[in-house]
Amino acid sequence: MIAGYRDGQLISPFTIEGACNRTVFEIWLVTCLIPKLQPNDWVIIDNATFHHGGKIRELIESAGCKLVSLPAYSPDLNRIEKCWAWLKSRIRKLLRDSDNLRDAMESVLASAS
């Protein structure tokens, strides 16, 4: 599950099967997040390995935005972490009555974004 977080709201939610990597993250940037950005927006990333390298900086800066990296360990600065905790809790509750994880994830993302 990938999403942005702005003004207390999830933006550009995206689900995949399997683990995220730089290629998936770049696809999400191009197809989901960048179309929602305005020039001079800041995109703040944490230290997940797939957030760094590749075309990520180039893609964000070509949209007229600034890429900002959080310090190495900064959970207090990473507002989306609280959002992820809330989402995971909701997904766990829905999973009991859902046919599969993806359906539960997409239902929660649809209601949160």
N, C-alpha and C. Protein backbone atom coordinates (compact mmCIF):
# COMPACT_ATOMS: atom_id res chain seq x y z
N MET A 1 0.85 -1.16 0.00
CA MET A 1 0.00 0.00 0.00
C MET A 1 0.90 1.23 0.00
N ILE A 2 0.66 2.13 -0.92
CA ILE A 2 1.41 3.38 -1.01
C ILE A 2 0.37 4.51 -1.06
N ALA A 3 0.68 5.61 -0.41
CA ALA A 3 -0.19 6.78 -0.49
C ALA A 3 0.60 7.99 -0.03
N GLY A 4 0.14 9.15 -0.42
CA GLY A 4 0.67 10.39 0.10
C GLY A 4 -0.22 10.86 1.24
N TYR A 5 0.24 11.87 1.94
CA TYR A 5 -0.51 12.41 3.08
C TYR A 5 -0.39 13.92 3.04
N ARG A 6 -1.52 14.60 2.90
CA ARG A 6 -1.50 16.06 2.84
C ARG A 6 -2.72 16.61 3.56
N ASP A 7 -2.48 17.58 4.42
CA ASP A 7 -3.56 18.23 5.15
C ASP A 7 -4.46 17.23 5.88
N GLY A 8 -3.84 16.22 6.50
CA GLY A 8 -4.60 15.25 7.26
C GLY A 8 -5.36 14.23 6.44
N GLN A 9 -5.12 14.20 5.14
CA GLN A 9 -5.84 13.29 4.24
C GLN A 9 -4.86 12.44 3.43
N LEU A 10 -5.25 11.20 3.16
CA LEU A 10 -4.48 10.38 2.23
C LEU A 10 -4.74 10.88 0.81
N ILE A 11 -3.70 10.89 0.00
CA ILE A 11 -3.88 11.22 -1.41
C ILE A 11 -3.18 10.14 -2.24
N SER A 12 -3.68 9.89 -3.40
CA SER A 12 -3.09 8.98 -4.38
C SER A 12 -2.83 7.58 -3.83
N PRO A 13 -3.83 6.95 -3.20
CA PRO A 13 -3.60 5.60 -2.69
C PRO A 13 -3.38 4.61 -3.84
N PHE A 14 -2.56 3.62 -3.58
CA PHE A 14 -2.14 2.66 -4.60
C PHE A 14 -1.83 1.35 -3.89
N THR A 15 -2.37 0.25 -4.37
CA THR A 15 -2.06 -1.04 -3.78
C THR A 15 -1.37 -1.93 -4.80
N ILE A 16 -0.48 -2.78 -4.29
CA ILE A 16 0.21 -3.75 -5.13
C ILE A 16 0.23 -5.08 -4.38
N GLU A 17 0.44 -6.13 -5.11
CA GLU A 17 0.68 -7.43 -4.49
C GLU A 17 2.18 -7.61 -4.42
N GLY A 18 2.69 -7.94 -3.25
CA GLY A 18 4.12 -8.12 -3.08
C GLY A 18 4.74 -6.91 -2.42
N ALA A 19 6.04 -6.89 -2.44
CA ALA A 19 6.79 -5.82 -1.77
C ALA A 19 6.98 -4.62 -2.69
N CYS A 20 7.13 -3.48 -2.07
CA CYS A 20 7.42 -2.27 -2.83
C CYS A 20 8.92 -2.21 -3.11
N ASN A 21 9.25 -1.66 -4.26
CA ASN A 21 10.66 -1.42 -4.61
C ASN A 21 10.71 -0.10 -5.36
N ARG A 22 11.89 0.29 -5.80
CA ARG A 22 12.04 1.58 -6.45
C ARG A 22 11.21 1.68 -7.72
N THR A 23 11.14 0.63 -8.51
CA THR A 23 10.36 0.66 -9.76
C THR A 23 8.89 0.91 -9.46
N VAL A 24 8.34 0.19 -8.50
CA VAL A 24 6.94 0.39 -8.11
C VAL A 24 6.72 1.81 -7.60
N PHE A 25 7.64 2.28 -6.78
CA PHE A 25 7.53 3.63 -6.23
C PHE A 25 7.56 4.67 -7.34
N GLU A 26 8.43 4.50 -8.32
CA GLU A 26 8.49 5.45 -9.45
C GLU A 26 7.21 5.41 -10.26
N ILE A 27 6.65 4.22 -10.47
CA ILE A 27 5.37 4.11 -11.20
C ILE A 27 4.28 4.85 -10.44
N TRP A 28 4.24 4.66 -9.10
CA TRP A 28 3.26 5.37 -8.29
C TRP A 28 3.44 6.87 -8.40
N LEU A 29 4.69 7.34 -8.34
CA LEU A 29 4.94 8.78 -8.47
C LEU A 29 4.36 9.31 -9.77
N VAL A 30 4.70 8.66 -10.88
CA VAL A 30 4.30 9.15 -12.21
C VAL A 30 2.79 9.06 -12.42
N THR A 31 2.18 7.94 -12.02
CA THR A 31 0.77 7.74 -12.35
C THR A 31 -0.21 8.26 -11.30
N CYS A 32 0.22 8.35 -10.06
CA CYS A 32 -0.72 8.71 -8.99
C CYS A 32 -0.40 10.02 -8.28
N LEU A 33 0.84 10.17 -7.80
CA LEU A 33 1.14 11.33 -6.96
C LEU A 33 1.41 12.60 -7.77
N ILE A 34 2.31 12.53 -8.72
CA ILE A 34 2.70 13.75 -9.45
C ILE A 34 1.51 14.46 -10.10
N PRO A 35 0.54 13.74 -10.67
CA PRO A 35 -0.62 14.47 -11.22
C PRO A 35 -1.40 15.27 -10.17
N LYS A 36 -1.26 14.94 -8.88
CA LYS A 36 -1.97 15.66 -7.81
C LYS A 36 -1.15 16.81 -7.24
N LEU A 37 0.13 16.90 -7.61
CA LEU A 37 1.00 17.93 -7.05
C LEU A 37 0.86 19.25 -7.79
N GLN A 38 1.16 20.32 -7.07
CA GLN A 38 1.22 21.66 -7.65
C GLN A 38 2.68 22.11 -7.62
N PRO A 39 3.10 22.96 -8.55
CA PRO A 39 4.47 23.47 -8.49
C PRO A 39 4.76 24.05 -7.10
N ASN A 40 5.96 23.84 -6.63
CA ASN A 40 6.46 24.28 -5.33
C ASN A 40 5.97 23.43 -4.15
N ASP A 41 5.19 22.36 -4.39
CA ASP A 41 4.87 21.44 -3.30
C ASP A 41 6.15 20.74 -2.86
N TRP A 42 6.16 20.30 -1.63
CA TRP A 42 7.27 19.51 -1.09
C TRP A 42 6.82 18.06 -1.01
N VAL A 43 7.67 17.16 -1.41
CA VAL A 43 7.44 15.73 -1.24
C VAL A 43 8.45 15.26 -0.20
N ILE A 44 7.94 14.85 0.93
CA ILE A 44 8.81 14.44 2.05
C ILE A 44 8.85 12.92 2.10
N ILE A 45 10.05 12.37 2.05
CA ILE A 45 10.21 10.92 2.07
C ILE A 45 10.99 10.50 3.31
N ASP A 46 10.73 9.28 3.76
CA ASP A 46 11.51 8.76 4.88
C ASP A 46 12.70 7.97 4.32
N ASN A 47 13.25 7.10 5.11
CA ASN A 47 14.48 6.44 4.72
C ASN A 47 14.31 5.03 4.19
N ALA A 48 13.14 4.69 3.70
CA ALA A 48 12.96 3.40 3.03
C ALA A 48 13.96 3.37 1.86
N THR A 49 14.60 2.25 1.67
CA THR A 49 15.64 2.18 0.64
C THR A 49 15.10 2.50 -0.75
N PHE A 50 13.86 2.13 -1.03
CA PHE A 50 13.31 2.38 -2.37
C PHE A 50 12.93 3.85 -2.59
N HIS A 51 12.99 4.68 -1.57
CA HIS A 51 12.71 6.11 -1.74
C HIS A 51 13.89 6.87 -2.33
N HIS A 52 15.04 6.25 -2.40
CA HIS A 52 16.26 6.95 -2.80
C HIS A 52 16.84 6.33 -4.06
N GLY A 53 17.42 7.17 -4.89
CA GLY A 53 18.08 6.69 -6.10
C GLY A 53 17.13 6.65 -7.28
N GLY A 54 17.58 6.03 -8.33
CA GLY A 54 16.77 5.95 -9.54
C GLY A 54 16.41 7.33 -10.06
N LYS A 55 15.17 7.46 -10.54
CA LYS A 55 14.70 8.71 -11.13
C LYS A 55 13.84 9.52 -10.16
N ILE A 56 13.80 9.13 -8.91
CA ILE A 56 12.84 9.73 -7.97
C ILE A 56 13.02 11.24 -7.86
N ARG A 57 14.22 11.69 -7.58
CA ARG A 57 14.45 13.14 -7.47
C ARG A 57 14.11 13.85 -8.78
N GLU A 58 14.57 13.27 -9.88
CA GLU A 58 14.32 13.86 -11.20
C GLU A 58 12.82 13.98 -11.48
N LEU A 59 12.05 12.94 -11.17
CA LEU A 59 10.61 12.96 -11.42
C LEU A 59 9.92 14.06 -10.60
N ILE A 60 10.27 14.15 -9.34
CA ILE A 60 9.63 15.13 -8.46
C ILE A 60 10.04 16.56 -8.85
N GLU A 61 11.31 16.76 -9.11
CA GLU A 61 11.77 18.10 -9.47
C GLU A 61 11.27 18.52 -10.85
N SER A 62 11.07 17.56 -11.76
CA SER A 62 10.55 17.92 -13.09
C SER A 62 9.09 18.37 -13.00
N ALA A 63 8.41 18.04 -11.90
CA ALA A 63 7.05 18.51 -11.67
C ALA A 63 7.05 19.87 -10.98
N GLY A 64 8.25 20.45 -10.78
CA GLY A 64 8.36 21.75 -10.14
C GLY A 64 8.26 21.67 -8.63
N CYS A 65 8.50 20.49 -8.08
CA CYS A 65 8.37 20.28 -6.64
C CYS A 65 9.74 20.03 -6.02
N LYS A 66 9.78 20.06 -4.70
CA LYS A 66 11.03 19.87 -3.97
C LYS A 66 10.98 18.54 -3.22
N LEU A 67 12.04 17.77 -3.30
CA LEU A 67 12.17 16.52 -2.57
C LEU A 67 12.92 16.78 -1.27
N VAL A 68 12.32 16.36 -0.15
CA VAL A 68 12.92 16.55 1.16
C VAL A 68 13.00 15.18 1.84
N SER A 69 14.17 14.84 2.36
CA SER A 69 14.35 13.57 3.07
C SER A 69 14.35 13.82 4.56
N LEU A 70 13.64 12.97 5.29
CA LEU A 70 13.65 13.06 6.74
C LEU A 70 14.99 12.57 7.28
N PRO A 71 15.37 12.99 8.48
CA PRO A 71 16.58 12.44 9.11
C PRO A 71 16.47 10.92 9.27
N ALA A 72 17.60 10.27 9.50
CA ALA A 72 17.67 8.81 9.53
C ALA A 72 16.59 8.15 10.39
N TYR A 73 16.39 8.58 11.60
CA TYR A 73 15.34 8.00 12.44
C TYR A 73 14.51 9.14 12.97
N SER A 74 13.31 9.29 12.43
CA SER A 74 12.51 10.46 12.79
C SER A 74 11.02 10.15 12.82
N PRO A 75 10.58 9.15 13.58
CA PRO A 75 9.15 8.82 13.58
C PRO A 75 8.26 9.96 14.03
N ASP A 76 8.77 10.85 14.88
CA ASP A 76 7.95 11.98 15.33
C ASP A 76 7.72 12.99 14.22
N LEU A 77 8.60 13.02 13.23
CA LEU A 77 8.44 13.95 12.12
C LEU A 77 7.65 13.34 10.97
N ASN A 78 7.45 12.04 11.00
CA ASN A 78 6.83 11.33 9.90
C ASN A 78 5.34 11.13 10.18
N ARG A 79 4.54 12.12 9.82
CA ARG A 79 3.11 12.12 10.14
C ARG A 79 2.35 10.96 9.52
N ILE A 80 2.81 10.47 8.40
CA ILE A 80 2.07 9.39 7.75
C ILE A 80 2.13 8.10 8.55
N GLU A 81 3.11 7.95 9.43
CA GLU A 81 3.21 6.72 10.23
C GLU A 81 1.98 6.53 11.12
N LYS A 82 1.45 7.60 11.68
CA LYS A 82 0.23 7.49 12.49
C LYS A 82 -0.95 7.11 11.60
N CYS A 83 -0.96 7.62 10.40
CA CYS A 83 -2.01 7.28 9.46
C CYS A 83 -1.93 5.80 9.09
N TRP A 84 -0.71 5.30 8.85
CA TRP A 84 -0.54 3.87 8.52
C TRP A 84 -1.03 3.01 9.67
N ALA A 85 -0.74 3.38 10.89
CA ALA A 85 -1.19 2.60 12.05
C ALA A 85 -2.72 2.54 12.08
N TRP A 86 -3.37 3.66 11.84
CA TRP A 86 -4.82 3.70 11.81
C TRP A 86 -5.36 2.82 10.68
N LEU A 87 -4.76 2.93 9.49
CA LEU A 87 -5.20 2.12 8.35
C LEU A 87 -5.05 0.63 8.64
N LYS A 88 -3.91 0.23 9.18
CA LYS A 88 -3.68 -1.19 9.47
C LYS A 88 -4.70 -1.72 10.47
N SER A 89 -5.05 -0.92 11.45
CA SER A 89 -6.05 -1.32 12.42
C SER A 89 -7.40 -1.55 11.75
N ARG A 90 -7.79 -0.63 10.88
CA ARG A 90 -9.06 -0.75 10.15
C ARG A 90 -9.05 -1.96 9.23
N ILE A 91 -7.93 -2.19 8.57
CA ILE A 91 -7.83 -3.33 7.65
C ILE A 91 -7.96 -4.64 8.43
N ARG A 92 -7.29 -4.74 9.57
CA ARG A 92 -7.39 -5.96 10.39
C ARG A 92 -8.84 -6.25 10.77
N LYS A 93 -9.59 -5.20 11.12
CA LYS A 93 -11.00 -5.39 11.49
C LYS A 93 -11.82 -5.87 10.29
N LEU A 94 -11.59 -5.27 9.13
CA LEU A 94 -12.34 -5.66 7.93
C LEU A 94 -11.95 -7.03 7.42
N LEU A 95 -10.72 -7.42 7.65
CA LEU A 95 -10.20 -8.68 7.12
C LEU A 95 -11.00 -9.88 7.63
N ARG A 96 -11.55 -9.76 8.82
CA ARG A 96 -12.36 -10.85 9.37
C ARG A 96 -13.56 -11.17 8.49
N ASP A 97 -14.11 -10.14 7.82
CA ASP A 97 -15.31 -10.32 7.01
C ASP A 97 -15.05 -10.20 5.52
N SER A 98 -13.79 -10.05 5.12
CA SER A 98 -13.45 -9.90 3.70
C SER A 98 -12.94 -11.21 3.13
N ASP A 99 -13.05 -11.33 1.82
CA ASP A 99 -12.57 -12.53 1.15
C ASP A 99 -11.05 -12.57 1.10
N ASN A 100 -10.42 -11.39 1.04
CA ASN A 100 -8.96 -11.37 0.94
C ASN A 100 -8.42 -10.02 1.41
N LEU A 101 -7.12 -9.98 1.59
CA LEU A 101 -6.45 -8.79 2.09
C LEU A 101 -6.63 -7.60 1.15
N ARG A 102 -6.49 -7.84 -0.15
CA ARG A 102 -6.58 -6.73 -1.11
C ARG A 102 -7.95 -6.04 -1.03
N ASP A 103 -9.03 -6.82 -0.93
CA ASP A 103 -10.36 -6.22 -0.83
C ASP A 103 -10.48 -5.36 0.43
N ALA A 104 -9.95 -5.88 1.55
CA ALA A 104 -9.99 -5.11 2.80
C ALA A 104 -9.18 -3.82 2.66
N MET A 105 -7.98 -3.91 2.08
CA MET A 105 -7.13 -2.73 1.91
C MET A 105 -7.83 -1.69 1.04
N GLU A 106 -8.36 -2.12 -0.09
CA GLU A 106 -8.97 -1.16 -1.01
C GLU A 106 -10.23 -0.53 -0.42
N SER A 107 -10.97 -1.29 0.37
CA SER A 107 -12.15 -0.71 1.03
C SER A 107 -11.75 0.37 2.02
N VAL A 108 -10.73 0.10 2.82
CA VAL A 108 -10.29 1.09 3.80
C VAL A 108 -9.68 2.30 3.09
N LEU A 109 -8.88 2.08 2.06
CA LEU A 109 -8.30 3.21 1.32
C LEU A 109 -9.37 4.07 0.67
N ALA A 110 -10.39 3.44 0.12
CA ALA A 110 -11.48 4.21 -0.51
C ALA A 110 -12.20 5.08 0.50
N SER A 111 -12.38 4.58 1.70
CA SER A 111 -13.08 5.38 2.71
C SER A 111 -12.17 6.46 3.32
N ALA A 112 -10.86 6.26 3.26
CA ALA A 112 -9.92 7.20 3.88
C ALA A 112 -9.45 8.29 2.94
N SER A 113 -9.58 8.10 1.66
CA SER A 113 -9.04 9.10 0.74
C SER A 113 -10.12 9.93 0.09
